[in-house]
Protein backbone atom coordinates (compact mmCIF):
# COMPACT_ATOMS: atom_id res chain seq x y z
CA UNK A 1 91.78 -27.22 -9.78
CA UNK A 2 88.64 -29.53 -9.73
CA UNK A 3 88.75 -32.32 -7.12
CA UNK A 4 87.56 -35.89 -7.99
CA UNK A 5 87.48 -39.36 -6.71
CA UNK A 6 88.69 -42.40 -8.89
CA UNK A 7 88.91 -46.16 -8.17
CA UNK A 8 92.34 -47.27 -7.48
CA UNK A 9 93.21 -48.80 -11.03
CA UNK A 10 92.42 -45.63 -12.47
CA UNK A 11 94.74 -43.89 -10.00
CA UNK A 12 97.76 -46.13 -10.69
CA UNK A 13 96.93 -46.18 -14.30
CA UNK A 14 97.22 -42.19 -14.56
CA UNK A 15 100.62 -42.33 -12.23
CA UNK A 16 101.90 -45.12 -14.67
CA UNK A 17 101.22 -43.05 -18.19
CA UNK A 18 103.38 -40.77 -19.95
CA UNK A 19 102.83 -37.20 -20.07
CA UNK A 20 101.54 -35.31 -22.92
CA UNK A 21 98.43 -35.12 -24.92
CA UNK A 22 95.64 -37.40 -24.52
CA UNK A 23 93.13 -37.90 -27.18
CA UNK A 24 89.21 -36.88 -26.87
CA UNK A 25 87.12 -40.11 -27.74
CA UNK A 26 83.92 -38.76 -26.74
CA UNK A 27 82.24 -35.77 -25.21
CA UNK A 28 78.86 -34.60 -23.69
CA UNK A 29 77.36 -32.76 -21.20
CA UNK A 30 78.00 -35.22 -18.23
CA UNK A 31 80.95 -36.74 -19.71
CA UNK A 32 84.44 -36.77 -21.14
CA UNK A 33 86.09 -39.98 -22.43
CA UNK A 34 89.71 -39.77 -22.95
CA UNK A 35 92.47 -41.94 -24.41
CA UNK A 36 94.94 -42.47 -22.14
CA UNK A 37 98.24 -44.43 -23.37
CA UNK A 38 100.23 -46.41 -20.61
CA UNK A 39 103.20 -48.49 -20.94
CA UNK A 40 101.70 -51.67 -22.43
CA UNK A 41 98.14 -50.75 -23.30
CA UNK A 42 95.93 -48.00 -24.19
CA UNK A 43 92.84 -47.45 -21.67
CA UNK A 44 89.85 -44.94 -21.75
CA UNK A 45 89.44 -42.78 -18.97
CA UNK A 46 86.15 -41.10 -17.88
CA UNK A 47 85.45 -37.87 -16.35
CA UNK A 48 81.96 -38.15 -15.11
CA UNK A 49 79.54 -35.67 -13.61
CA UNK A 50 77.32 -37.00 -10.92
CA UNK A 51 74.39 -37.60 -13.25
CA UNK A 52 76.50 -39.84 -15.84
CA UNK A 53 76.82 -43.54 -15.23
CA UNK A 54 79.60 -43.95 -12.88
CA UNK A 55 81.81 -46.84 -15.05
CA UNK A 56 84.87 -48.07 -13.20
CA UNK A 57 87.34 -46.51 -15.51
CA UNK A 58 86.33 -42.79 -14.46
CA UNK A 59 87.12 -40.10 -12.35
CA UNK A 60 83.82 -38.73 -10.66
CA UNK A 61 82.94 -34.93 -10.09
CA UNK A 62 80.49 -34.12 -7.20
CA UNK A 63 78.61 -31.50 -9.79
CA UNK A 64 75.97 -33.26 -11.65
CA UNK A 65 77.52 -32.54 -14.99
CA UNK A 66 81.02 -31.20 -16.59
CA UNK A 67 80.04 -27.47 -15.79
CA UNK A 68 82.59 -25.26 -18.15
CA UNK A 69 84.54 -27.97 -18.68
CA UNK A 70 83.75 -28.80 -22.46
CA UNK A 71 86.55 -31.37 -23.35
CA UNK A 72 88.45 -29.53 -26.11
CA UNK A 73 91.91 -30.78 -25.10
CA UNK A 74 93.14 -33.13 -22.73
CA UNK A 75 96.61 -34.04 -21.48
CA UNK A 76 98.65 -35.51 -18.56
CA UNK A 77 101.29 -34.37 -16.42
CA UNK A 78 102.59 -36.27 -13.30
CA UNK A 79 99.86 -38.53 -13.22
CA UNK A 80 97.18 -36.06 -13.08
CA UNK A 81 94.75 -35.36 -16.13
CA UNK A 82 94.23 -31.99 -17.21
CA UNK A 83 90.66 -30.84 -19.24
CA UNK A 84 90.92 -27.36 -21.11
CA UNK A 85 93.70 -26.41 -18.57
CA UNK A 86 92.02 -27.81 -15.53
CA UNK A 87 94.02 -30.04 -13.57
CA UNK A 88 91.76 -33.19 -11.86
CA UNK A 89 92.96 -34.14 -8.68
CA UNK A 90 92.43 -37.09 -7.21
CA UNK A 91 91.62 -37.29 -3.72
CA UNK A 92 89.03 -39.79 -2.23
CA UNK A 93 89.53 -43.25 -3.51
CA UNK A 94 86.07 -45.18 -4.63
CA UNK A 95 85.53 -49.24 -4.27
CA UNK A 96 84.26 -50.69 -7.90
CA UNK A 97 84.38 -54.05 -6.69
CA UNK A 98 81.62 -56.31 -7.35
CA UNK A 99 80.16 -58.14 -3.97
CA UNK A 100 80.69 -61.60 -3.20
CA UNK A 101 77.90 -63.70 -4.58
CA UNK A 102 75.10 -64.00 -1.78
CA UNK A 103 74.68 -67.70 -0.63
CA UNK A 104 71.31 -67.32 -1.73
CA UNK A 105 71.61 -66.05 -5.12
CA UNK A 106 69.17 -67.27 -7.48
CA UNK A 107 67.12 -65.21 -9.93
CA UNK A 108 63.99 -64.18 -10.18
CA UNK A 109 63.69 -61.10 -12.11
CA UNK A 110 62.28 -60.88 -15.64
CA UNK A 111 65.02 -60.30 -18.58
CA UNK A 112 65.12 -56.78 -19.68
CA UNK A 113 66.32 -58.01 -23.13
CA UNK A 114 64.21 -60.88 -24.80
CA UNK A 115 66.32 -64.22 -25.65
CA UNK A 116 65.20 -63.78 -29.15
CA UNK A 117 66.25 -59.97 -29.40
CA UNK A 118 69.54 -61.13 -28.27
CA UNK A 119 70.10 -63.83 -31.02
CA UNK A 120 68.93 -61.43 -33.45
CA UNK A 121 71.40 -58.52 -32.56
CA UNK A 122 74.67 -60.64 -31.21
CA UNK A 123 73.66 -64.10 -32.14
CA UNK A 124 73.16 -67.41 -29.80
CA UNK A 125 75.09 -66.94 -26.56
CA UNK A 126 75.03 -69.88 -24.16
CA UNK A 127 75.31 -70.07 -20.36
CA UNK A 128 78.37 -71.90 -20.54
CA UNK A 129 80.61 -69.54 -22.54
CA UNK A 130 83.36 -70.85 -24.70
CA UNK A 131 86.43 -69.28 -26.04
CA UNK A 132 84.45 -69.68 -29.41
CA UNK A 133 81.54 -67.57 -28.30
CA UNK A 134 83.38 -64.83 -27.08
CA UNK A 135 85.56 -64.28 -30.25
CA UNK A 136 82.24 -64.30 -31.88
CA UNK A 137 79.95 -62.38 -29.88
CA UNK A 138 82.54 -59.42 -28.68
CA UNK A 139 82.26 -56.29 -30.65
CA UNK A 140 78.52 -57.21 -31.84
CA UNK A 141 75.97 -54.33 -31.71
CA UNK A 142 76.10 -50.83 -31.78
CA UNK A 143 76.83 -47.42 -29.88
CA UNK A 144 80.14 -46.93 -27.45
CA UNK A 145 79.37 -50.33 -25.57
CA UNK A 146 77.92 -52.97 -27.98
CA UNK A 147 75.56 -55.29 -26.61
CA UNK A 148 77.77 -58.24 -26.88
CA UNK A 149 80.17 -56.73 -24.77
CA UNK A 150 77.84 -56.14 -22.01
CA UNK A 151 76.55 -59.67 -22.17
CA UNK A 152 80.29 -60.58 -21.42
CA UNK A 153 80.91 -57.85 -18.85
CA UNK A 154 77.77 -59.27 -17.12
CA UNK A 155 79.01 -63.09 -17.37
CA UNK A 156 82.60 -62.27 -16.26
CA UNK A 157 81.49 -60.17 -13.04
CA UNK A 158 79.20 -62.86 -11.99
CA UNK A 159 82.01 -65.46 -12.14
CA UNK A 160 84.25 -62.88 -10.27
CA UNK A 161 81.47 -62.33 -7.25
CA UNK A 162 81.50 -66.37 -7.07
CA UNK A 163 85.33 -66.33 -6.73
CA UNK A 164 85.47 -68.50 -9.99
CA UNK A 165 88.48 -67.83 -12.40
CA UNK A 166 87.73 -67.87 -16.15
CA UNK A 167 91.55 -68.04 -17.37
CA UNK A 168 90.60 -69.17 -20.81
CA UNK A 169 87.70 -66.79 -21.28
CA UNK A 170 89.49 -63.81 -20.08
CA UNK A 171 92.36 -64.73 -22.35
CA UNK A 172 89.81 -64.98 -25.48
CA UNK A 173 88.47 -61.57 -24.16
CA UNK A 174 91.82 -59.90 -24.25
CA UNK A 175 92.56 -61.22 -27.79
CA UNK A 176 89.27 -59.45 -29.06
CA UNK A 177 89.60 -56.13 -27.47
CA UNK A 178 90.97 -54.46 -30.60
CA UNK A 179 87.42 -55.16 -32.33
CA UNK A 180 85.49 -53.24 -30.10
CA UNK A 181 85.48 -49.46 -29.14
CA UNK A 182 87.96 -48.45 -26.38
CA UNK A 183 85.79 -47.58 -23.81
CA UNK A 184 84.07 -50.86 -24.14
CA UNK A 185 87.53 -52.81 -24.27
CA UNK A 186 88.01 -50.63 -21.27
CA UNK A 187 85.10 -51.92 -19.39
CA UNK A 188 85.43 -55.80 -20.50
CA UNK A 189 89.01 -55.35 -18.85
CA UNK A 190 87.48 -53.88 -15.67
CA UNK A 191 85.08 -56.89 -15.57
CA UNK A 192 87.79 -59.21 -15.80
CA UNK A 193 89.04 -57.43 -12.64
CA UNK A 194 85.62 -57.76 -10.98
CA UNK A 195 84.86 -54.02 -11.35
CA UNK A 196 81.39 -52.66 -11.96
CA UNK A 197 78.95 -49.83 -12.26
CA UNK A 198 77.12 -49.42 -8.83
CA UNK A 199 73.65 -50.52 -10.29
CA UNK A 200 75.47 -54.12 -10.88
CA UNK A 201 76.87 -54.25 -7.70
CA UNK A 202 73.58 -53.41 -6.22
CA UNK A 203 72.02 -55.87 -8.37
CA UNK A 204 74.41 -58.92 -7.32
CA UNK A 205 73.97 -57.93 -3.57
CA UNK A 206 70.32 -58.34 -3.85
CA UNK A 207 69.99 -61.63 -5.50
CA UNK A 208 67.77 -63.81 -3.89
CA UNK A 209 66.20 -61.11 -1.58
CA UNK A 210 62.93 -59.11 -2.23
CA UNK A 211 65.05 -56.28 -3.45
CA UNK A 212 66.27 -58.17 -6.56
CA UNK A 213 63.40 -57.09 -8.88
CA UNK A 214 63.75 -53.53 -8.06
CA UNK A 215 67.51 -53.90 -8.52
CA UNK A 216 67.25 -55.52 -11.94
CA UNK A 217 64.96 -53.26 -13.08
CA UNK A 218 67.36 -50.43 -11.96
CA UNK A 219 70.45 -51.99 -13.68
CA UNK A 220 68.26 -52.71 -16.98
CA UNK A 221 67.66 -49.08 -17.19
CA UNK A 222 71.42 -48.17 -17.45
CA UNK A 223 72.14 -46.80 -21.23
CA UNK A 224 70.19 -47.72 -24.07
CA UNK A 225 71.24 -51.46 -23.74
CA UNK A 226 73.93 -51.38 -21.41
CA UNK A 227 72.33 -52.33 -18.33
CA UNK A 228 70.06 -54.47 -20.00
CA UNK A 229 72.77 -56.34 -21.77
CA UNK A 230 74.92 -56.68 -18.23
CA UNK A 231 71.89 -58.06 -16.73
CA UNK A 232 71.58 -60.86 -19.32
CA UNK A 233 74.79 -61.69 -19.18
CA UNK A 234 74.39 -61.99 -15.42
CA UNK A 235 71.72 -64.09 -15.71
CA UNK A 236 73.61 -66.41 -17.91
CA UNK A 237 76.44 -66.88 -15.58
CA UNK A 238 74.19 -67.50 -12.54
CA UNK A 239 72.51 -70.20 -14.86
CA UNK A 240 75.91 -72.01 -15.55
CA UNK A 241 77.14 -71.53 -12.06
CA UNK A 242 74.06 -73.29 -10.34
CA UNK A 243 74.80 -76.12 -12.68
CA UNK A 244 78.10 -76.28 -11.53
CA UNK A 245 77.17 -76.03 -7.96
CA UNK A 246 74.37 -79.09 -8.79
């Protein structure tokens, strides 16, 4: 048995999942991603070493990597995920909620991804996302989390930070989840629920302060384009929300 920490919804989803084999989606030295089938949906759950990006849909180990765990096989039993026969017992619960948007929120940090590059890879993404924009953007890009999805995640999470509901956009995102990877679909669902990586939470908390440029740079450094995409989406959302406030 290895003790792990987990966000509340991950613990609940594992408890609700049926016992049996779980499909390995991706594995590496620092993280393994597993498909878990719940009562009404499939979901990606990560098993994350401390050196991996702490996605809000993961079980977190205290060690930097996965050690002897290769991720050759996975199964669920009584709400506990087992990798290579090792039970990952959830102890501590971690908060992955995006913090409230500061009253001083405005953005001074430079974009990590130039708008021209976004247009080339994804197409134009307006600050005021419409349902048609979501349908066009979700799934656009390469990798486990396509750039278009990362942008939408950032946009959604900032709206949750502002306490602004976006029911039509949420519904449009959910209607498109089958066109992207299961990991990215799960992260989009996390963003709808206001669940984010620590670097994004720190960036939101720093908005309008002297720490913002450094927090933006730390977020942009996550992954190949993941952090930069989330930062881009966050900046779009801030522009949209400032327009509403005006």
